[in-house]
N, C-alpha and C. Protein backbone atom coordinates (compact mmCIF):
# COMPACT_ATOMS: atom_id res chain seq x y z
N MET A 1 0.83 4.74 16.45
CA MET A 1 2.28 4.60 16.41
C MET A 1 2.69 3.26 15.81
N GLN A 2 1.92 2.24 16.10
CA GLN A 2 2.25 0.93 15.56
C GLN A 2 2.19 0.94 14.02
N ALA A 3 1.26 1.71 13.49
CA ALA A 3 1.14 1.80 12.03
C ALA A 3 2.37 2.45 11.42
N LEU A 4 3.03 3.32 12.17
CA LEU A 4 4.21 4.02 11.66
C LEU A 4 5.50 3.24 11.87
N ALA A 5 5.43 2.15 12.59
CA ALA A 5 6.64 1.40 12.94
C ALA A 5 7.26 0.68 11.74
N ASP A 6 6.46 0.33 10.77
CA ASP A 6 6.97 -0.45 9.64
C ASP A 6 7.55 0.47 8.56
N PRO A 7 8.75 0.18 8.08
CA PRO A 7 9.37 1.04 7.06
C PRO A 7 8.60 1.07 5.73
N ASN A 8 7.92 -0.02 5.37
CA ASN A 8 7.12 0.00 4.15
C ASN A 8 5.94 0.96 4.27
N ARG A 9 5.33 0.99 5.43
CA ARG A 9 4.20 1.92 5.63
C ARG A 9 4.70 3.36 5.64
N ARG A 10 5.88 3.58 6.21
CA ARG A 10 6.43 4.95 6.17
C ARG A 10 6.74 5.35 4.73
N THR A 11 7.21 4.41 3.91
CA THR A 11 7.45 4.71 2.50
C THR A 11 6.15 5.10 1.81
N VAL A 12 5.07 4.38 2.09
CA VAL A 12 3.77 4.71 1.52
C VAL A 12 3.39 6.14 1.90
N LEU A 13 3.56 6.48 3.17
CA LEU A 13 3.21 7.83 3.62
C LEU A 13 4.08 8.89 2.94
N GLU A 14 5.35 8.58 2.73
CA GLU A 14 6.23 9.53 2.04
C GLU A 14 5.77 9.76 0.60
N ILE A 15 5.35 8.71 -0.06
CA ILE A 15 4.84 8.85 -1.43
C ILE A 15 3.57 9.69 -1.43
N LEU A 16 2.67 9.36 -0.50
CA LEU A 16 1.39 10.07 -0.45
C LEU A 16 1.54 11.50 0.04
N ARG A 17 2.65 11.80 0.67
CA ARG A 17 2.89 13.19 1.10
C ARG A 17 2.96 14.10 -0.12
N ASP A 18 3.48 13.59 -1.21
CA ASP A 18 3.67 14.40 -2.42
C ASP A 18 2.48 14.37 -3.36
N HIS A 19 1.76 13.23 -3.40
CA HIS A 19 0.64 13.13 -4.34
C HIS A 19 -0.19 11.89 -4.02
N GLU A 20 -1.43 11.92 -4.49
CA GLU A 20 -2.27 10.73 -4.37
C GLU A 20 -1.68 9.64 -5.25
N ALA A 21 -1.99 8.39 -4.92
CA ALA A 21 -1.46 7.28 -5.71
C ALA A 21 -2.44 6.11 -5.67
N THR A 22 -2.41 5.35 -6.74
CA THR A 22 -3.23 4.13 -6.77
C THR A 22 -2.52 3.04 -5.99
N ALA A 23 -3.27 2.01 -5.66
CA ALA A 23 -2.68 0.87 -4.97
C ALA A 23 -1.58 0.25 -5.82
N GLY A 24 -1.77 0.20 -7.13
CA GLY A 24 -0.76 -0.36 -8.02
C GLY A 24 0.53 0.46 -8.02
N GLU A 25 0.40 1.78 -8.03
CA GLU A 25 1.58 2.64 -7.99
C GLU A 25 2.34 2.45 -6.68
N LEU A 26 1.60 2.32 -5.61
CA LEU A 26 2.25 2.10 -4.32
C LEU A 26 2.93 0.74 -4.28
N ALA A 27 2.28 -0.27 -4.85
CA ALA A 27 2.86 -1.61 -4.89
C ALA A 27 4.15 -1.61 -5.71
N ASP A 28 4.17 -0.86 -6.80
CA ASP A 28 5.37 -0.80 -7.63
C ASP A 28 6.54 -0.15 -6.90
N ALA A 29 6.25 0.70 -5.92
CA ALA A 29 7.30 1.42 -5.20
C ALA A 29 7.87 0.64 -4.03
N LEU A 30 7.23 -0.46 -3.67
CA LEU A 30 7.65 -1.23 -2.50
C LEU A 30 8.26 -2.56 -2.91
N PRO A 31 9.22 -3.05 -2.12
CA PRO A 31 9.89 -4.31 -2.45
C PRO A 31 9.18 -5.55 -1.91
N ILE A 32 7.85 -5.49 -1.88
CA ILE A 32 7.08 -6.62 -1.35
C ILE A 32 5.96 -6.96 -2.32
N ALA A 33 5.38 -8.14 -2.13
CA ALA A 33 4.30 -8.60 -3.01
C ALA A 33 3.03 -7.78 -2.77
N ARG A 34 2.18 -7.73 -3.76
CA ARG A 34 0.94 -6.93 -3.69
C ARG A 34 0.04 -7.30 -2.50
N PRO A 35 -0.09 -8.57 -2.13
CA PRO A 35 -0.91 -8.86 -0.94
C PRO A 35 -0.35 -8.19 0.32
N GLY A 36 0.97 -8.12 0.41
CA GLY A 36 1.59 -7.43 1.54
C GLY A 36 1.30 -5.94 1.52
N VAL A 37 1.33 -5.36 0.33
CA VAL A 37 1.02 -3.94 0.18
C VAL A 37 -0.43 -3.69 0.61
N SER A 38 -1.32 -4.57 0.21
CA SER A 38 -2.74 -4.43 0.60
C SER A 38 -2.90 -4.47 2.11
N ARG A 39 -2.15 -5.35 2.76
CA ARG A 39 -2.22 -5.42 4.23
C ARG A 39 -1.71 -4.13 4.86
N HIS A 40 -0.62 -3.60 4.32
CA HIS A 40 -0.09 -2.33 4.85
C HIS A 40 -1.08 -1.19 4.64
N LEU A 41 -1.71 -1.16 3.48
CA LEU A 41 -2.69 -0.11 3.22
C LEU A 41 -3.88 -0.23 4.16
N ARG A 42 -4.29 -1.46 4.45
CA ARG A 42 -5.40 -1.65 5.39
C ARG A 42 -5.03 -1.12 6.78
N VAL A 43 -3.80 -1.41 7.23
CA VAL A 43 -3.35 -0.92 8.54
C VAL A 43 -3.37 0.62 8.55
N LEU A 44 -2.88 1.23 7.48
CA LEU A 44 -2.86 2.69 7.41
C LEU A 44 -4.27 3.28 7.37
N ARG A 45 -5.19 2.61 6.68
CA ARG A 45 -6.59 3.06 6.67
C ARG A 45 -7.20 2.95 8.06
N GLU A 46 -6.98 1.81 8.71
CA GLU A 46 -7.55 1.59 10.04
C GLU A 46 -6.99 2.57 11.06
N ALA A 47 -5.73 2.98 10.86
CA ALA A 47 -5.12 3.96 11.76
C ALA A 47 -5.51 5.39 11.36
N ARG A 48 -6.31 5.50 10.32
CA ARG A 48 -6.80 6.78 9.81
C ARG A 48 -5.68 7.70 9.33
N LEU A 49 -4.60 7.09 8.86
CA LEU A 49 -3.49 7.86 8.30
C LEU A 49 -3.67 8.12 6.81
N VAL A 50 -4.47 7.28 6.16
CA VAL A 50 -4.77 7.49 4.73
C VAL A 50 -6.27 7.31 4.50
N ASP A 51 -6.73 7.95 3.44
CA ASP A 51 -8.09 7.76 2.94
C ASP A 51 -8.00 7.08 1.59
N VAL A 52 -9.06 6.41 1.22
CA VAL A 52 -9.10 5.76 -0.10
C VAL A 52 -10.43 6.12 -0.76
N ARG A 53 -10.37 6.31 -2.06
CA ARG A 53 -11.59 6.51 -2.83
C ARG A 53 -11.53 5.62 -4.06
N GLN A 54 -12.70 5.23 -4.49
CA GLN A 54 -12.81 4.37 -5.66
C GLN A 54 -12.97 5.25 -6.89
N ASP A 55 -12.21 4.95 -7.93
CA ASP A 55 -12.32 5.63 -9.21
C ASP A 55 -12.38 4.55 -10.28
N ALA A 56 -13.61 4.18 -10.66
CA ALA A 56 -13.84 3.04 -11.54
C ALA A 56 -13.27 1.79 -10.88
N GLN A 57 -12.28 1.15 -11.49
CA GLN A 57 -11.70 -0.07 -10.92
C GLN A 57 -10.50 0.22 -10.02
N ARG A 58 -10.10 1.47 -9.95
CA ARG A 58 -8.89 1.80 -9.19
C ARG A 58 -9.23 2.33 -7.80
N ARG A 59 -8.35 2.04 -6.86
CA ARG A 59 -8.44 2.62 -5.52
C ARG A 59 -7.34 3.66 -5.43
N ILE A 60 -7.72 4.86 -5.09
CA ILE A 60 -6.76 5.96 -5.01
C ILE A 60 -6.62 6.37 -3.55
N TYR A 61 -5.37 6.37 -3.11
CA TYR A 61 -5.06 6.67 -1.71
C TYR A 61 -4.50 8.08 -1.58
N ARG A 62 -4.83 8.70 -0.44
CA ARG A 62 -4.27 10.01 -0.13
C ARG A 62 -3.94 10.07 1.35
N LEU A 63 -2.96 10.87 1.67
CA LEU A 63 -2.53 11.06 3.05
C LEU A 63 -3.57 11.89 3.80
N ARG A 64 -3.80 11.57 5.05
CA ARG A 64 -4.64 12.38 5.93
C ARG A 64 -3.69 13.14 6.87
N PRO A 65 -3.26 14.35 6.49
CA PRO A 65 -2.28 15.06 7.30
C PRO A 65 -2.77 15.38 8.72
N GLU A 66 -4.08 15.51 8.89
CA GLU A 66 -4.59 15.80 10.23
C GLU A 66 -4.27 14.67 11.22
N ALA A 67 -4.18 13.45 10.74
CA ALA A 67 -3.82 12.33 11.61
C ALA A 67 -2.37 12.46 12.07
N LEU A 68 -1.52 12.99 11.21
CA LEU A 68 -0.11 13.16 11.57
C LEU A 68 0.08 14.32 12.54
N ILE A 69 -0.85 15.24 12.57
CA ILE A 69 -0.79 16.33 13.55
C ILE A 69 -0.87 15.76 14.96
N GLU A 70 -1.72 14.75 15.14
CA GLU A 70 -1.83 14.09 16.45
C GLU A 70 -0.48 13.47 16.84
N VAL A 71 0.18 12.83 15.90
CA VAL A 71 1.49 12.23 16.16
C VAL A 71 2.50 13.32 16.49
N ASP A 72 2.46 14.40 15.74
CA ASP A 72 3.37 15.52 15.96
C ASP A 72 3.19 16.11 17.36
N GLU A 73 1.95 16.26 17.78
CA GLU A 73 1.68 16.80 19.12
C GLU A 73 2.21 15.86 20.19
N TRP A 74 2.04 14.56 19.99
CA TRP A 74 2.54 13.59 20.96
C TRP A 74 4.07 13.64 21.02
N LEU A 75 4.70 13.77 19.86
CA LEU A 75 6.16 13.80 19.81
C LEU A 75 6.75 15.09 20.39
N GLU A 76 5.99 16.15 20.44
CA GLU A 76 6.52 17.44 20.90
C GLU A 76 7.09 17.34 22.31
N GLU A 77 6.46 16.59 23.18
CA GLU A 77 6.98 16.43 24.55
C GLU A 77 8.38 15.81 24.52
N TYR A 78 8.59 14.87 23.62
CA TYR A 78 9.90 14.23 23.51
C TYR A 78 10.92 15.17 22.88
N ARG A 79 10.47 16.00 21.95
CA ARG A 79 11.38 16.99 21.35
C ARG A 79 11.89 17.95 22.43
N VAL A 80 10.97 18.39 23.29
CA VAL A 80 11.36 19.30 24.38
C VAL A 80 12.37 18.60 25.29
N LEU A 81 12.09 17.36 25.64
CA LEU A 81 13.00 16.59 26.49
C LEU A 81 14.39 16.51 25.87
N TRP A 82 14.46 16.12 24.59
CA TRP A 82 15.76 15.99 23.93
C TRP A 82 16.42 17.34 23.72
N ARG A 83 15.64 18.37 23.42
CA ARG A 83 16.21 19.70 23.26
C ARG A 83 16.88 20.13 24.56
N ASN A 84 16.21 19.91 25.68
CA ASN A 84 16.78 20.27 26.98
C ASN A 84 18.04 19.47 27.27
N ARG A 85 18.01 18.19 26.97
CA ARG A 85 19.18 17.35 27.23
C ARG A 85 20.35 17.73 26.32
N LEU A 86 20.06 18.03 25.07
CA LEU A 86 21.13 18.44 24.16
C LEU A 86 21.69 19.80 24.54
N ASP A 87 20.83 20.70 25.02
CA ASP A 87 21.32 21.99 25.50
C ASP A 87 22.25 21.80 26.70
N ALA A 88 21.86 20.91 27.61
CA ALA A 88 22.71 20.62 28.77
C ALA A 88 24.03 20.01 28.34
N LEU A 89 23.99 19.11 27.38
CA LEU A 89 25.22 18.51 26.86
C LEU A 89 26.11 19.58 26.24
N HIS A 90 25.52 20.45 25.47
CA HIS A 90 26.27 21.53 24.83
C HIS A 90 26.96 22.39 25.90
N THR A 91 26.25 22.70 26.97
CA THR A 91 26.82 23.48 28.07
C THR A 91 27.99 22.75 28.69
N GLU A 92 27.85 21.45 28.92
CA GLU A 92 28.93 20.66 29.52
C GLU A 92 30.14 20.58 28.60
N VAL A 93 29.91 20.46 27.33
CA VAL A 93 31.03 20.41 26.37
C VAL A 93 31.78 21.74 26.39
N LYS A 94 31.04 22.85 26.44
CA LYS A 94 31.70 24.16 26.50
C LYS A 94 32.51 24.32 27.78
N ARG A 95 31.95 23.83 28.89
CA ARG A 95 32.67 23.89 30.16
C ARG A 95 33.96 23.07 30.08
N GLY A 96 33.87 21.90 29.47
CA GLY A 96 35.04 21.04 29.32
C GLY A 96 36.11 21.70 28.48
N ARG A 97 35.73 22.39 27.46
CA ARG A 97 36.71 23.10 26.61
C ARG A 97 37.42 24.19 27.39
N ARG A 98 36.65 24.89 28.21
CA ARG A 98 37.26 25.95 29.02
C ARG A 98 38.25 25.37 30.03
N ALA A 99 37.91 24.22 30.61
CA ALA A 99 38.76 23.59 31.61
C ALA A 99 40.07 23.10 30.98
N ILE A 100 40.03 22.69 29.73
CA ILE A 100 41.23 22.19 29.05
C ILE A 100 42.19 23.33 28.75
N ARG A 101 41.67 24.48 28.45
CA ARG A 101 42.52 25.63 28.11
C ARG A 101 43.30 26.04 29.30
């Protein structure tokens, strides 16, 4: 979760969701210096959210969607909680409308 907290890392994941990218391409897409991009990529690798492979002198990154499945499963409990609360709110709003009439 800590790896997902930073908006630059989320941007990297959004880019990699659509296609593999080199470190340079990712750096060009972010408003930070290349050393900062390298640090973000290291955090994402260590969190196992991305894989990297060497292609000659280039490092090519790709998203590991299976790692996001774990996050999705963890979030599901919160989705259920919010869904129940929003359903209850919807019910109360409908009751309030009936009372006003």
